[in-house]
N, C-alpha and C. Protein backbone atom coordinates (compact mmCIF):
# COMPACT_ATOMS: atom_id res chain seq x y z
N UNK A 1 -45.90 70.41 18.93
CA UNK A 1 -47.24 69.91 18.86
C UNK A 1 -47.71 69.96 17.41
N UNK A 2 -48.11 68.85 16.84
CA UNK A 2 -48.60 68.79 15.47
C UNK A 2 -50.10 68.99 15.44
N UNK A 3 -50.57 69.75 14.50
CA UNK A 3 -52.00 69.96 14.33
C UNK A 3 -52.47 69.11 13.16
N UNK A 4 -53.56 68.44 13.29
CA UNK A 4 -54.07 67.57 12.24
C UNK A 4 -55.51 67.91 11.91
N UNK A 5 -55.93 67.54 10.70
CA UNK A 5 -57.32 67.59 10.28
C UNK A 5 -58.09 68.83 10.68
N UNK A 6 -59.06 68.65 11.59
CA UNK A 6 -59.96 69.71 12.00
C UNK A 6 -59.22 70.85 12.68
N UNK A 7 -58.18 70.52 13.43
CA UNK A 7 -57.43 71.57 14.12
C UNK A 7 -56.81 72.53 13.12
N UNK A 8 -56.29 72.01 12.02
CA UNK A 8 -55.67 72.88 11.01
C UNK A 8 -56.73 73.74 10.35
N UNK A 9 -57.86 73.15 9.99
CA UNK A 9 -58.93 73.93 9.37
C UNK A 9 -59.40 75.05 10.31
N UNK A 10 -59.52 74.73 11.59
CA UNK A 10 -59.95 75.72 12.57
C UNK A 10 -58.90 76.81 12.69
N UNK A 11 -57.64 76.41 12.76
CA UNK A 11 -56.56 77.38 12.90
C UNK A 11 -56.49 78.30 11.68
N UNK A 12 -56.69 77.75 10.50
CA UNK A 12 -56.60 78.56 9.29
C UNK A 12 -57.80 79.49 9.13
N UNK A 13 -58.91 79.16 9.76
CA UNK A 13 -60.10 80.00 9.62
C UNK A 13 -60.15 81.10 10.69
N UNK A 14 -59.25 81.09 11.64
CA UNK A 14 -59.22 82.10 12.69
C UNK A 14 -58.74 83.42 12.10
N UNK A 15 -59.40 84.51 12.44
CA UNK A 15 -59.05 85.83 11.93
C UNK A 15 -58.72 86.77 13.08
N UNK A 16 -57.83 87.70 12.82
CA UNK A 16 -57.53 88.76 13.77
C UNK A 16 -58.60 89.84 13.64
N UNK A 17 -58.69 90.78 14.60
CA UNK A 17 -59.70 91.85 14.52
C UNK A 17 -59.64 92.66 13.22
N UNK A 18 -58.45 92.79 12.62
CA UNK A 18 -58.34 93.56 11.37
C UNK A 18 -58.70 92.73 10.14
N UNK A 19 -59.09 91.47 10.31
CA UNK A 19 -59.51 90.62 9.20
C UNK A 19 -58.41 89.74 8.64
N UNK A 20 -57.17 89.94 9.06
CA UNK A 20 -56.06 89.13 8.56
C UNK A 20 -56.13 87.73 9.17
N UNK A 21 -55.70 86.69 8.42
CA UNK A 21 -55.72 85.35 8.99
C UNK A 21 -54.73 85.24 10.15
N UNK A 22 -55.09 84.48 11.14
CA UNK A 22 -54.22 84.26 12.30
C UNK A 22 -53.72 82.82 12.26
N UNK A 23 -52.41 82.66 12.26
CA UNK A 23 -51.82 81.33 12.25
C UNK A 23 -51.19 81.08 13.61
N UNK A 24 -51.64 80.05 14.33
CA UNK A 24 -50.96 79.71 15.58
C UNK A 24 -49.49 79.39 15.31
N UNK A 25 -48.68 79.50 16.32
CA UNK A 25 -47.24 79.30 16.17
C UNK A 25 -46.93 77.95 15.55
N UNK A 26 -47.62 76.88 15.93
CA UNK A 26 -47.33 75.55 15.41
C UNK A 26 -47.58 75.48 13.91
N UNK A 27 -48.69 76.06 13.45
CA UNK A 27 -49.01 76.04 12.02
C UNK A 27 -48.01 76.90 11.26
N UNK A 28 -47.68 78.08 11.81
CA UNK A 28 -46.73 78.96 11.14
C UNK A 28 -45.39 78.26 10.96
N UNK A 29 -44.91 77.62 12.01
CA UNK A 29 -43.62 76.93 11.93
C UNK A 29 -43.70 75.80 10.91
N UNK A 30 -44.80 75.07 10.90
CA UNK A 30 -44.94 73.95 9.99
C UNK A 30 -44.98 74.45 8.54
N UNK A 31 -45.74 75.52 8.28
CA UNK A 31 -45.79 76.08 6.94
C UNK A 31 -44.43 76.61 6.51
N UNK A 32 -43.74 77.27 7.43
CA UNK A 32 -42.42 77.78 7.12
C UNK A 32 -41.48 76.63 6.78
N UNK A 33 -41.59 75.53 7.50
CA UNK A 33 -40.73 74.38 7.22
C UNK A 33 -40.97 73.82 5.83
N UNK A 34 -42.22 73.70 5.43
CA UNK A 34 -42.55 73.16 4.11
C UNK A 34 -42.11 74.13 3.02
N UNK A 35 -42.45 75.43 3.18
CA UNK A 35 -42.07 76.39 2.15
C UNK A 35 -40.55 76.55 2.09
N UNK A 36 -39.90 76.50 3.25
CA UNK A 36 -38.45 76.58 3.25
C UNK A 36 -37.81 75.42 2.51
N UNK A 37 -38.37 74.23 2.69
CA UNK A 37 -37.85 73.06 1.98
C UNK A 37 -38.07 73.19 0.48
N UNK A 38 -39.23 73.74 0.09
CA UNK A 38 -39.50 73.92 -1.35
C UNK A 38 -38.55 74.95 -1.94
N UNK A 39 -38.31 76.04 -1.23
CA UNK A 39 -37.39 77.07 -1.72
C UNK A 39 -35.99 76.48 -1.87
N UNK A 40 -35.56 75.71 -0.87
CA UNK A 40 -34.25 75.08 -0.94
C UNK A 40 -34.16 74.13 -2.13
N UNK A 41 -35.20 73.34 -2.37
CA UNK A 41 -35.19 72.41 -3.50
C UNK A 41 -35.14 73.15 -4.82
N UNK A 42 -35.91 74.22 -4.95
CA UNK A 42 -35.90 74.99 -6.20
C UNK A 42 -34.56 75.68 -6.41
N UNK A 43 -33.93 76.13 -5.34
CA UNK A 43 -32.63 76.77 -5.48
C UNK A 43 -31.57 75.75 -5.89
N UNK A 44 -31.64 74.56 -5.33
CA UNK A 44 -30.65 73.53 -5.65
C UNK A 44 -30.87 72.94 -7.03
N UNK A 45 -32.13 72.79 -7.44
CA UNK A 45 -32.46 72.18 -8.73
C UNK A 45 -33.49 73.03 -9.46
N UNK A 46 -33.09 74.20 -9.99
CA UNK A 46 -34.07 75.02 -10.69
C UNK A 46 -34.65 74.27 -11.88
N UNK A 47 -35.92 74.48 -12.22
CA UNK A 47 -36.55 73.75 -13.32
C UNK A 47 -35.78 73.86 -14.62
N UNK A 48 -35.21 75.02 -14.93
CA UNK A 48 -34.47 75.16 -16.18
C UNK A 48 -33.21 74.30 -16.17
N UNK A 49 -32.56 74.16 -15.00
CA UNK A 49 -31.37 73.32 -14.93
C UNK A 49 -31.73 71.86 -15.12
N UNK A 50 -32.85 71.44 -14.54
CA UNK A 50 -33.29 70.05 -14.72
C UNK A 50 -33.62 69.81 -16.17
N UNK A 51 -34.34 70.75 -16.79
CA UNK A 51 -34.69 70.61 -18.20
C UNK A 51 -33.45 70.60 -19.07
N UNK A 52 -32.51 71.48 -18.77
CA UNK A 52 -31.29 71.55 -19.56
C UNK A 52 -30.51 70.25 -19.46
N UNK A 53 -30.40 69.72 -18.24
CA UNK A 53 -29.64 68.49 -18.04
C UNK A 53 -30.25 67.32 -18.80
N UNK A 54 -31.55 67.15 -18.69
CA UNK A 54 -32.19 66.00 -19.34
C UNK A 54 -32.28 66.19 -20.84
N UNK A 55 -32.48 67.42 -21.31
CA UNK A 55 -32.63 67.67 -22.74
C UNK A 55 -31.33 67.61 -23.51
N UNK A 56 -30.20 67.73 -22.86
CA UNK A 56 -28.92 67.76 -23.55
C UNK A 56 -28.16 66.45 -23.51
N UNK A 57 -28.65 65.46 -22.83
CA UNK A 57 -27.88 64.23 -22.65
C UNK A 57 -27.48 63.58 -23.97
N UNK A 58 -28.34 63.62 -24.98
CA UNK A 58 -28.00 62.99 -26.26
C UNK A 58 -27.12 63.88 -27.14
N UNK A 59 -26.90 65.12 -26.74
CA UNK A 59 -26.10 66.05 -27.54
C UNK A 59 -24.67 66.24 -27.01
N UNK A 60 -24.32 65.56 -25.94
CA UNK A 60 -22.99 65.75 -25.35
C UNK A 60 -21.91 65.34 -26.34
N UNK A 61 -20.85 66.14 -26.42
CA UNK A 61 -19.72 65.81 -27.28
C UNK A 61 -19.40 66.92 -28.27
N UNK A 62 -18.51 66.59 -29.21
CA UNK A 62 -18.04 67.53 -30.23
C UNK A 62 -18.78 67.28 -31.54
N UNK A 63 -19.23 68.35 -32.18
CA UNK A 63 -20.03 68.25 -33.40
C UNK A 63 -19.41 69.10 -34.50
N UNK A 64 -19.57 68.63 -35.74
CA UNK A 64 -18.96 69.29 -36.89
C UNK A 64 -19.81 69.03 -38.13
N UNK A 65 -19.87 70.01 -39.03
CA UNK A 65 -20.61 69.79 -40.28
C UNK A 65 -19.91 68.70 -41.09
N UNK A 66 -20.68 67.83 -41.76
CA UNK A 66 -20.09 66.78 -42.60
C UNK A 66 -19.21 67.40 -43.70
N UNK A 67 -18.22 66.65 -44.11
CA UNK A 67 -17.31 67.13 -45.14
C UNK A 67 -16.03 67.70 -44.56
N UNK A 68 -16.04 68.01 -43.28
CA UNK A 68 -14.84 68.50 -42.61
C UNK A 68 -14.28 67.40 -41.73
N UNK A 69 -12.99 67.48 -41.46
CA UNK A 69 -12.32 66.45 -40.66
C UNK A 69 -12.31 66.85 -39.18
N UNK A 70 -12.77 65.94 -38.34
CA UNK A 70 -12.73 66.17 -36.90
C UNK A 70 -11.29 66.40 -36.42
N UNK A 71 -10.34 65.69 -37.02
CA UNK A 71 -8.93 65.83 -36.62
C UNK A 71 -8.38 67.22 -36.94
N UNK A 72 -8.95 67.89 -37.94
CA UNK A 72 -8.49 69.24 -38.28
C UNK A 72 -9.02 70.30 -37.32
N UNK A 73 -10.13 70.01 -36.66
CA UNK A 73 -10.79 71.01 -35.82
C UNK A 73 -10.58 70.77 -34.33
N UNK A 74 -10.59 69.49 -33.91
CA UNK A 74 -10.55 69.17 -32.49
C UNK A 74 -9.23 68.55 -32.08
N UNK A 75 -8.77 68.90 -30.87
CA UNK A 75 -7.58 68.29 -30.28
C UNK A 75 -8.02 67.04 -29.52
N UNK A 76 -7.16 66.05 -29.48
CA UNK A 76 -7.52 64.79 -28.82
C UNK A 76 -6.82 64.62 -27.48
N UNK A 77 -6.41 65.71 -26.87
CA UNK A 77 -5.75 65.62 -25.57
C UNK A 77 -6.77 65.77 -24.45
N UNK A 78 -6.53 65.10 -23.35
CA UNK A 78 -7.42 65.22 -22.19
C UNK A 78 -8.68 64.40 -22.32
N UNK A 79 -9.53 64.51 -21.30
CA UNK A 79 -10.76 63.73 -21.26
C UNK A 79 -11.87 64.35 -22.10
N UNK A 80 -11.92 65.67 -22.14
CA UNK A 80 -13.01 66.33 -22.87
C UNK A 80 -12.47 66.96 -24.16
N UNK A 81 -13.32 67.03 -25.18
CA UNK A 81 -12.87 67.61 -26.45
C UNK A 81 -12.57 69.10 -26.32
N UNK A 82 -11.67 69.57 -27.15
CA UNK A 82 -11.35 71.00 -27.19
C UNK A 82 -10.98 71.36 -28.63
N UNK A 83 -11.03 72.65 -28.92
CA UNK A 83 -10.68 73.11 -30.26
C UNK A 83 -9.16 73.13 -30.41
N UNK A 84 -8.70 72.68 -31.57
CA UNK A 84 -7.27 72.64 -31.88
C UNK A 84 -6.77 74.07 -32.05
N UNK A 85 -5.56 74.34 -31.56
CA UNK A 85 -4.92 75.64 -31.69
C UNK A 85 -4.08 75.66 -32.97
N UNK A 86 -4.04 76.71 -33.73
CA UNK A 86 -4.89 77.89 -33.62
C UNK A 86 -6.33 77.54 -33.99
N UNK A 87 -7.26 78.17 -33.32
CA UNK A 87 -8.68 77.88 -33.53
C UNK A 87 -9.14 78.47 -34.86
N UNK A 88 -9.84 77.65 -35.65
CA UNK A 88 -10.46 78.12 -36.88
C UNK A 88 -11.78 78.77 -36.49
N UNK A 89 -11.80 80.10 -36.43
CA UNK A 89 -12.99 80.79 -35.94
C UNK A 89 -14.19 80.65 -36.89
N UNK A 90 -13.96 80.19 -38.12
CA UNK A 90 -15.05 80.03 -39.07
C UNK A 90 -15.55 78.59 -39.17
N UNK A 91 -14.98 77.70 -38.40
CA UNK A 91 -15.38 76.29 -38.45
C UNK A 91 -16.83 76.13 -37.97
N UNK A 92 -17.67 75.43 -38.73
CA UNK A 92 -19.05 75.15 -38.30
C UNK A 92 -19.03 73.99 -37.30
N UNK A 93 -18.61 74.30 -36.07
CA UNK A 93 -18.38 73.27 -35.06
C UNK A 93 -18.81 73.79 -33.70
N UNK A 94 -19.16 72.86 -32.81
CA UNK A 94 -19.45 73.23 -31.43
C UNK A 94 -19.24 72.02 -30.53
N UNK A 95 -19.06 72.30 -29.25
CA UNK A 95 -18.87 71.26 -28.23
C UNK A 95 -19.91 71.48 -27.14
N UNK A 96 -20.62 70.41 -26.78
CA UNK A 96 -21.55 70.47 -25.65
C UNK A 96 -20.98 69.59 -24.55
N UNK A 97 -20.76 70.21 -23.40
CA UNK A 97 -20.22 69.50 -22.24
C UNK A 97 -21.01 69.96 -21.01
N UNK A 98 -21.79 69.04 -20.45
CA UNK A 98 -22.65 69.41 -19.33
C UNK A 98 -23.69 70.40 -19.79
N UNK A 99 -23.72 71.57 -19.14
CA UNK A 99 -24.66 72.63 -19.52
C UNK A 99 -23.94 73.78 -20.21
N UNK A 100 -22.83 73.47 -20.88
CA UNK A 100 -22.07 74.47 -21.60
C UNK A 100 -21.97 74.09 -23.07
N UNK A 101 -22.20 75.06 -23.94
CA UNK A 101 -22.00 74.88 -25.38
C UNK A 101 -20.92 75.87 -25.79
N UNK A 102 -19.87 75.34 -26.44
CA UNK A 102 -18.77 76.20 -26.89
C UNK A 102 -18.67 76.14 -28.41
N UNK A 103 -18.47 77.29 -29.02
CA UNK A 103 -18.17 77.39 -30.44
C UNK A 103 -16.74 77.91 -30.54
N UNK A 104 -16.17 77.99 -31.75
CA UNK A 104 -14.82 78.54 -31.85
C UNK A 104 -14.72 79.99 -31.35
N UNK A 105 -15.83 80.72 -31.35
CA UNK A 105 -15.79 82.14 -30.96
C UNK A 105 -16.47 82.48 -29.64
N UNK A 106 -17.29 81.57 -29.09
CA UNK A 106 -18.08 81.94 -27.91
C UNK A 106 -18.24 80.76 -26.96
N UNK A 107 -18.54 81.10 -25.72
CA UNK A 107 -18.89 80.09 -24.73
C UNK A 107 -20.28 80.43 -24.23
N UNK A 108 -21.15 79.41 -24.19
CA UNK A 108 -22.55 79.63 -23.85
C UNK A 108 -22.96 78.76 -22.67
N UNK A 109 -23.79 79.32 -21.82
CA UNK A 109 -24.38 78.59 -20.70
C UNK A 109 -25.81 78.27 -21.09
N UNK A 110 -26.18 77.00 -20.98
CA UNK A 110 -27.54 76.59 -21.33
C UNK A 110 -28.48 77.02 -20.21
N UNK A 111 -29.46 77.83 -20.56
CA UNK A 111 -30.45 78.30 -19.58
C UNK A 111 -31.66 77.39 -19.53
N UNK A 112 -32.10 76.88 -20.69
CA UNK A 112 -33.26 75.98 -20.69
C UNK A 112 -33.29 75.16 -21.97
N UNK A 113 -33.97 74.03 -21.91
CA UNK A 113 -34.19 73.17 -23.06
C UNK A 113 -35.66 72.79 -23.04
N UNK A 114 -36.35 73.07 -24.14
CA UNK A 114 -37.77 72.74 -24.24
C UNK A 114 -38.00 71.91 -25.49
N UNK A 115 -38.81 70.88 -25.36
CA UNK A 115 -39.17 70.05 -26.51
C UNK A 115 -40.39 70.63 -27.19
N UNK A 116 -40.31 70.74 -28.52
CA UNK A 116 -41.46 71.16 -29.32
C UNK A 116 -41.52 70.26 -30.54
N UNK A 117 -42.59 69.49 -30.65
CA UNK A 117 -42.77 68.56 -31.76
C UNK A 117 -41.53 67.69 -31.93
N UNK A 118 -40.77 67.90 -33.00
CA UNK A 118 -39.61 67.06 -33.29
C UNK A 118 -38.29 67.75 -32.99
N UNK A 119 -38.31 68.88 -32.31
CA UNK A 119 -37.10 69.66 -32.05
C UNK A 119 -36.93 69.97 -30.57
N UNK A 120 -35.69 70.33 -30.23
CA UNK A 120 -35.37 70.86 -28.91
C UNK A 120 -35.06 72.35 -29.10
N UNK A 121 -35.71 73.20 -28.35
CA UNK A 121 -35.43 74.63 -28.38
C UNK A 121 -34.54 74.92 -27.17
N UNK A 122 -33.31 75.35 -27.46
CA UNK A 122 -32.31 75.56 -26.42
C UNK A 122 -32.06 77.06 -26.27
N UNK A 123 -32.26 77.57 -25.07
CA UNK A 123 -31.99 78.97 -24.78
C UNK A 123 -30.62 79.06 -24.13
N UNK A 124 -29.76 79.88 -24.72
CA UNK A 124 -28.37 80.00 -24.27
C UNK A 124 -28.06 81.43 -23.86
N UNK A 125 -27.13 81.59 -22.96
CA UNK A 125 -26.54 82.88 -22.67
C UNK A 125 -25.09 82.78 -23.11
N UNK A 126 -24.76 83.46 -24.21
CA UNK A 126 -23.44 83.32 -24.83
C UNK A 126 -22.59 84.57 -24.62
N UNK A 127 -21.30 84.36 -24.49
CA UNK A 127 -20.36 85.47 -24.34
C UNK A 127 -19.12 85.20 -25.17
N UNK A 128 -18.57 86.27 -25.74
CA UNK A 128 -17.27 86.19 -26.41
C UNK A 128 -16.43 87.35 -25.89
N UNK A 129 -15.34 87.67 -26.56
CA UNK A 129 -14.45 88.71 -26.05
C UNK A 129 -15.04 90.11 -26.17
N UNK A 130 -16.14 90.25 -26.91
CA UNK A 130 -16.73 91.57 -27.13
C UNK A 130 -18.02 91.79 -26.35
N UNK A 131 -18.90 90.79 -26.31
CA UNK A 131 -20.22 91.00 -25.72
C UNK A 131 -20.82 89.70 -25.20
N UNK A 132 -21.96 89.86 -24.51
CA UNK A 132 -22.75 88.71 -24.06
C UNK A 132 -24.16 88.90 -24.60
N UNK A 133 -24.82 87.78 -24.93
CA UNK A 133 -26.13 87.87 -25.55
C UNK A 133 -26.91 86.58 -25.31
N UNK A 134 -28.23 86.70 -25.22
CA UNK A 134 -29.09 85.51 -25.16
C UNK A 134 -29.36 85.05 -26.58
N UNK A 135 -29.29 83.73 -26.79
CA UNK A 135 -29.46 83.13 -28.11
C UNK A 135 -30.39 81.94 -27.98
N UNK A 136 -31.23 81.73 -28.99
CA UNK A 136 -32.09 80.55 -29.04
C UNK A 136 -31.68 79.70 -30.22
N UNK A 137 -31.50 78.40 -29.98
CA UNK A 137 -31.07 77.46 -31.01
C UNK A 137 -32.09 76.33 -31.06
N UNK A 138 -32.36 75.84 -32.26
CA UNK A 138 -33.26 74.69 -32.42
C UNK A 138 -32.46 73.54 -33.00
N UNK A 139 -32.56 72.37 -32.37
CA UNK A 139 -31.86 71.17 -32.82
C UNK A 139 -32.79 69.98 -32.79
N UNK A 140 -32.42 68.97 -33.57
CA UNK A 140 -33.16 67.71 -33.56
C UNK A 140 -32.19 66.57 -33.81
N UNK A 141 -32.31 65.51 -33.03
CA UNK A 141 -31.48 64.32 -33.23
C UNK A 141 -32.02 63.54 -34.42
N UNK A 142 -31.10 63.02 -35.24
CA UNK A 142 -31.48 62.21 -36.40
C UNK A 142 -31.29 60.73 -36.05
N UNK A 143 -32.02 59.84 -36.74
CA UNK A 143 -31.92 58.40 -36.44
C UNK A 143 -30.51 57.84 -36.62
N UNK A 144 -29.69 58.45 -37.49
CA UNK A 144 -28.34 57.93 -37.74
C UNK A 144 -27.32 58.41 -36.71
N UNK A 145 -27.75 59.13 -35.66
CA UNK A 145 -26.83 59.60 -34.63
C UNK A 145 -26.34 61.02 -34.86
N UNK A 146 -26.62 61.58 -36.02
CA UNK A 146 -26.24 62.96 -36.29
C UNK A 146 -27.33 63.88 -35.72
N UNK A 147 -27.14 65.17 -35.89
CA UNK A 147 -28.19 66.10 -35.49
C UNK A 147 -28.32 67.18 -36.53
N UNK A 148 -29.42 67.88 -36.48
CA UNK A 148 -29.66 69.01 -37.37
C UNK A 148 -29.89 70.25 -36.53
N UNK A 149 -29.30 71.36 -37.00
CA UNK A 149 -29.50 72.66 -36.37
C UNK A 149 -30.38 73.48 -37.30
N UNK A 150 -31.44 74.05 -36.76
CA UNK A 150 -32.38 74.83 -37.55
C UNK A 150 -32.23 76.31 -37.21
N UNK A 151 -32.36 77.18 -38.23
CA UNK A 151 -32.21 78.61 -38.01
C UNK A 151 -33.42 79.21 -37.29
N UNK A 152 -34.63 78.68 -37.58
CA UNK A 152 -35.84 79.18 -36.94
C UNK A 152 -36.97 78.18 -37.16
N UNK A 153 -38.18 78.55 -36.76
CA UNK A 153 -39.34 77.67 -36.92
C UNK A 153 -39.66 77.37 -38.37
N UNK A 154 -39.34 78.30 -39.26
CA UNK A 154 -39.67 78.14 -40.68
C UNK A 154 -38.69 77.22 -41.40
N UNK A 155 -37.51 77.02 -40.85
CA UNK A 155 -36.48 76.17 -41.46
C UNK A 155 -36.91 74.70 -41.33
N UNK A 156 -37.22 74.08 -42.44
CA UNK A 156 -37.66 72.67 -42.44
C UNK A 156 -36.53 71.70 -42.79
N UNK A 157 -35.43 72.22 -43.31
CA UNK A 157 -34.32 71.36 -43.76
C UNK A 157 -33.25 71.22 -42.69
N UNK A 158 -32.78 72.32 -42.14
CA UNK A 158 -31.75 72.29 -41.12
C UNK A 158 -30.37 72.03 -41.69
N UNK A 159 -29.35 72.25 -40.87
CA UNK A 159 -27.96 71.97 -41.23
C UNK A 159 -27.51 70.74 -40.47
N UNK A 160 -26.99 69.73 -41.18
CA UNK A 160 -26.57 68.51 -40.47
C UNK A 160 -25.22 68.69 -39.76
N UNK A 161 -25.06 67.99 -38.66
CA UNK A 161 -23.80 67.94 -37.92
C UNK A 161 -23.54 66.49 -37.54
N UNK A 162 -22.27 66.10 -37.65
CA UNK A 162 -21.88 64.75 -37.23
C UNK A 162 -21.15 64.84 -35.90
N UNK A 163 -21.25 63.78 -35.12
CA UNK A 163 -20.54 63.73 -33.84
C UNK A 163 -19.13 63.22 -34.09
N UNK A 164 -18.17 63.92 -33.54
CA UNK A 164 -16.78 63.46 -33.61
C UNK A 164 -16.52 62.50 -32.46
N UNK A 165 -15.57 61.61 -32.64
CA UNK A 165 -15.26 60.60 -31.61
C UNK A 165 -14.97 61.29 -30.28
N UNK A 166 -15.46 60.69 -29.20
CA UNK A 166 -15.28 61.28 -27.87
C UNK A 166 -13.90 61.03 -27.34
């Protein structure tokens, strides 16, 4: 039995002797159904995952500081880019694939992406062979297809990175 309009208002205004609101079974079930659906939707698509997915679409691929050769750092086998073996742990390079950012020394899971003015603030959970840590990175796409990585809010210049062929 569905309750509509006035019936719902009446049902919600009913109180038990101790002052607690009384919900008829039909209203309780209906509210549980709506809240259950919302919980399921949030579990399946958490806001940070949605933000991360949409905020990273233009950054997908392998990136390297200009002046270095993509062929020296990245292997061209398989569908997705990978670091060439032996890995140059000092290479200023990273790979973004889906919601993962990899550097020569660490693998990071993107927790959130937020836009601020002309930059994207990316919160990462990074791990290497020694430890795991939360890291915040600031990036901005440039008109020429490159991107800049900024050390913090005060950094106005940034470090340029070029995209290597996919």
